[in-house]
Amino acid sequence: MNKLDESQSVLLEQVRASSFLLNKKIKKLEKGIDREMVG
């Protein structure tokens, strides 16, 4: 049971990290699109 909890928490951390990176990428893309629209 403890092992399962550990692996689950590791998976959760990975998911959190990847979603955080995705959000950063999306924000960068949005900023770039805004710049292109203005320029």
PDB file of N, CA and C in Angstrom:
ATOM      1  N   MET A   1       0.842  -1.201   0.000  1.00  0.00           N
ATOM      2  CA  MET A   1       0.000   0.000   0.000  1.00  0.00           C
ATOM      3  C   MET A   1       0.883   1.259   0.000  1.00  0.00           C
ATOM      4  N   ASN A   2       1.920   1.238   0.818  1.00  0.00           N
ATOM      5  CA  ASN A   2       2.802   2.401   0.897  1.00  0.00           C
ATOM      6  C   ASN A   2       3.510   2.634  -0.427  1.00  0.00           C
ATOM      7  N   LYS A   3       3.957   1.539  -1.058  1.00  0.00           N
ATOM      8  CA  LYS A   3       4.657   1.650  -2.342  1.00  0.00           C
ATOM      9  C   LYS A   3       3.740   2.298  -3.373  1.00  0.00           C
ATOM     10  N   LEU A   4       2.489   1.877  -3.401  1.00  0.00           N
ATOM     11  CA  LEU A   4       1.533   2.416  -4.364  1.00  0.00           C
ATOM     12  C   LEU A   4       1.380   3.920  -4.149  1.00  0.00           C
ATOM     13  N   ASP A   5       1.226   4.324  -2.896  1.00  0.00           N
ATOM     14  CA  ASP A   5       1.086   5.749  -2.590  1.00  0.00           C
ATOM     15  C   ASP A   5       2.305   6.523  -3.086  1.00  0.00           C
ATOM     16  N   GLU A   6       3.484   5.950  -2.876  1.00  0.00           N
ATOM     17  CA  GLU A   6       4.718   6.620  -3.306  1.00  0.00           C
ATOM     18  C   GLU A   6       4.728   6.826  -4.812  1.00  0.00           C
ATOM     19  N   SER A   7       4.431   5.746  -5.550  1.00  0.00           N
ATOM     20  CA  SER A   7       4.459   5.860  -7.016  1.00  0.00           C
ATOM     21  C   SER A   7       3.388   6.834  -7.495  1.00  0.00           C
ATOM     22  N   GLN A   8       2.247   6.834  -6.819  1.00  0.00           N
ATOM     23  CA  GLN A   8       1.174   7.760  -7.210  1.00  0.00           C
ATOM     24  C   GLN A   8       1.611   9.207  -7.001  1.00  0.00           C
ATOM     25  N   SER A   9       2.268   9.473  -5.872  1.00  0.00           N
ATOM     26  CA  SER A   9       2.703  10.849  -5.597  1.00  0.00           C
ATOM     27  C   SER A   9       3.771  11.273  -6.601  1.00  0.00           C
ATOM     28  N   VAL A  10       4.638  10.331  -6.986  1.00  0.00           N
ATOM     29  CA  VAL A  10       5.664  10.649  -7.985  1.00  0.00           C
ATOM     30  C   VAL A  10       4.986  10.999  -9.302  1.00  0.00           C
ATOM     31  N   LEU A  11       3.987  10.206  -9.681  1.00  0.00           N
ATOM     32  CA  LEU A  11       3.254  10.470 -10.924  1.00  0.00           C
ATOM     33  C   LEU A  11       2.597  11.846 -10.851  1.00  0.00           C
ATOM     34  N   LEU A  12       1.989  12.139  -9.717  1.00  0.00           N
ATOM     35  CA  LEU A  12       1.328  13.436  -9.546  1.00  0.00           C
ATOM     36  C   LEU A  12       2.318  14.575  -9.720  1.00  0.00           C
ATOM     37  N   GLU A  13       3.500  14.422  -9.128  1.00  0.00           N
ATOM     38  CA  GLU A  13       4.533  15.460  -9.256  1.00  0.00           C
ATOM     39  C   GLU A  13       4.896  15.668 -10.718  1.00  0.00           C
ATOM     40  N   GLN A  14       5.060  14.556 -11.445  1.00  0.00           N
ATOM     41  CA  GLN A  14       5.424  14.650 -12.862  1.00  0.00           C
ATOM     42  C   GLN A  14       4.327  15.364 -13.643  1.00  0.00           C
ATOM     43  N   VAL A  15       3.082  15.002 -13.355  1.00  0.00           N
ATOM     44  CA  VAL A  15       1.949  15.621 -14.057  1.00  0.00           C
ATOM     45  C   VAL A  15       1.911  17.118 -13.763  1.00  0.00           C
ATOM     46  N   ARG A  16       2.125  17.455 -12.485  1.00  0.00           N
ATOM     47  CA  ARG A  16       2.110  18.871 -12.106  1.00  0.00           C
ATOM     48  C   ARG A  16       3.206  19.638 -12.833  1.00  0.00           C
ATOM     49  N   ALA A  17       4.396  19.057 -12.862  1.00  0.00           N
ATOM     50  CA  ALA A  17       5.530  19.721 -13.510  1.00  0.00           C
ATOM     51  C   ALA A  17       5.261  19.907 -14.999  1.00  0.00           C
ATOM     52  N   SER A  18       4.756  18.864 -15.656  1.00  0.00           N
ATOM     53  CA  SER A  18       4.532  18.959 -17.102  1.00  0.00           C
ATOM     54  C   SER A  18       3.414  19.950 -17.413  1.00  0.00           C
ATOM     55  N   SER A  19       2.369  19.977 -16.599  1.00  0.00           N
ATOM     56  CA  SER A  19       1.278  20.926 -16.857  1.00  0.00           C
ATOM     57  C   SER A  19       1.764  22.355 -16.625  1.00  0.00           C
ATOM     58  N   PHE A  20       2.655  22.525 -15.643  1.00  0.00           N
ATOM     59  CA  PHE A  20       3.229  23.851 -15.380  1.00  0.00           C
ATOM     60  C   PHE A  20       4.032  24.319 -16.589  1.00  0.00           C
ATOM     61  N   LEU A  21       4.838  23.393 -17.153  1.00  0.00           N
ATOM     62  CA  LEU A  21       5.636  23.732 -18.333  1.00  0.00           C
ATOM     63  C   LEU A  21       4.718  24.048 -19.508  1.00  0.00           C
ATOM     64  N   LEU A  22       3.651  23.261 -19.649  1.00  0.00           N
ATOM     65  CA  LEU A  22       2.707  23.488 -20.747  1.00  0.00           C
ATOM     66  C   LEU A  22       2.094  24.881 -20.623  1.00  0.00           C
ATOM     67  N   ASN A  23       1.682  25.242 -19.416  1.00  0.00           N
ATOM     68  CA  ASN A  23       1.099  26.571 -19.198  1.00  0.00           C
ATOM     69  C   ASN A  23       2.088  27.662 -19.579  1.00  0.00           C
ATOM     70  N   LYS A  24       3.355  27.473 -19.204  1.00  0.00           N
ATOM     71  CA  LYS A  24       4.385  28.462 -19.545  1.00  0.00           C
ATOM     72  C   LYS A  24       4.498  28.592 -21.056  1.00  0.00           C
ATOM     73  N   LYS A  25       4.545  27.448 -21.749  1.00  0.00           N
ATOM     74  CA  LYS A  25       4.677  27.459 -23.209  1.00  0.00           C
ATOM     75  C   LYS A  25       3.484  28.166 -23.834  1.00  0.00           C
ATOM     76  N   ILE A  26       2.288  27.856 -23.342  1.00  0.00           N
ATOM     77  CA  ILE A  26       1.070  28.452 -23.903  1.00  0.00           C
ATOM     78  C   ILE A  26       1.091  29.967 -23.694  1.00  0.00           C
ATOM     79  N   LYS A  27       1.513  30.400 -22.515  1.00  0.00           N
ATOM     80  CA  LYS A  27       1.572  31.842 -22.251  1.00  0.00           C
ATOM     81  C   LYS A  27       2.566  32.514 -23.182  1.00  0.00           C
ATOM     82  N   LYS A  28       3.712  31.861 -23.396  1.00  0.00           N
ATOM     83  CA  LYS A  28       4.719  32.420 -24.310  1.00  0.00           C
ATOM     84  C   LYS A  28       4.127  32.532 -25.708  1.00  0.00           C
ATOM     85  N   LEU A  29       3.427  31.482 -26.144  1.00  0.00           N
ATOM     86  CA  LEU A  29       2.819  31.487 -27.478  1.00  0.00           C
ATOM     87  C   LEU A  29       1.814  32.626 -27.577  1.00  0.00           C
ATOM     88  N   GLU A  30       0.976  32.780 -26.541  1.00  0.00           N
ATOM     89  CA  GLU A  30      -0.026  33.843 -26.556  1.00  0.00           C
ATOM     90  C   GLU A  30       0.642  35.210 -26.644  1.00  0.00           C
ATOM     91  N   LYS A  31       1.720  35.396 -25.899  1.00  0.00           N
ATOM     92  CA  LYS A  31       2.442  36.676 -25.939  1.00  0.00           C
ATOM     93  C   LYS A  31       2.975  36.922 -27.340  1.00  0.00           C
ATOM     94  N   GLY A  32       3.552  35.903 -27.953  1.00  0.00           N
ATOM     95  CA  GLY A  32       4.083  36.030 -29.309  1.00  0.00           C
ATOM     96  C   GLY A  32       2.978  36.380 -30.286  1.00  0.00           C
ATOM     97  N   ILE A  33       1.815  35.737 -30.139  1.00  0.00           N
ATOM     98  CA  ILE A  33       0.692  36.006 -31.040  1.00  0.00           C
ATOM     99  C   ILE A  33       0.236  37.453 -30.855  1.00  0.00           C
ATOM    100  N   ASP A  34       0.150  37.900 -29.600  1.00  0.00           N
ATOM    101  CA  ASP A  34      -0.247  39.286 -29.321  1.00  0.00           C
ATOM    102  C   ASP A  34       0.708  40.257 -30.009  1.00  0.00           C
ATOM    103  N   ARG A  35       2.006  39.975 -29.913  1.00  0.00           N
ATOM    104  CA  ARG A  35       3.005  40.852 -30.518  1.00  0.00           C
ATOM    105  C   ARG A  35       2.812  40.899 -32.030  1.00  0.00           C
ATOM    106  N   GLU A  36       2.560  39.728 -32.620  1.00  0.00           N
ATOM    107  CA  GLU A  36       2.382  39.681 -34.076  1.00  0.00           C
ATOM    108  C   GLU A  36       1.141  40.471 -34.479  1.00  0.00           C
ATOM    109  N   MET A  37       0.080  40.359 -33.699  1.00  0.00           N
ATOM    110  CA  MET A  37      -1.156  41.076 -34.004  1.00  0.00           C
ATOM    111  C   MET A  37      -0.911  42.581 -33.933  1.00  0.00           C
ATOM    112  N   VAL A  38      -0.233  43.023 -32.865  1.00  0.00           N
ATOM    113  CA  VAL A  38       0.036  44.458 -32.687  1.00  0.00           C
ATOM    114  C   VAL A  38       0.985  44.943 -33.780  1.00  0.00           C
ATOM    115  N   GLY A  39       2.047  44.163 -34.005  1.00  0.00           N
ATOM    116  CA  GLY A  39       3.036  44.565 -35.008  1.00  0.00           C
ATOM    117  C   GLY A  39       2.514  44.290 -36.385  1.00  0.00           C
TER     118      GLY A  39
END
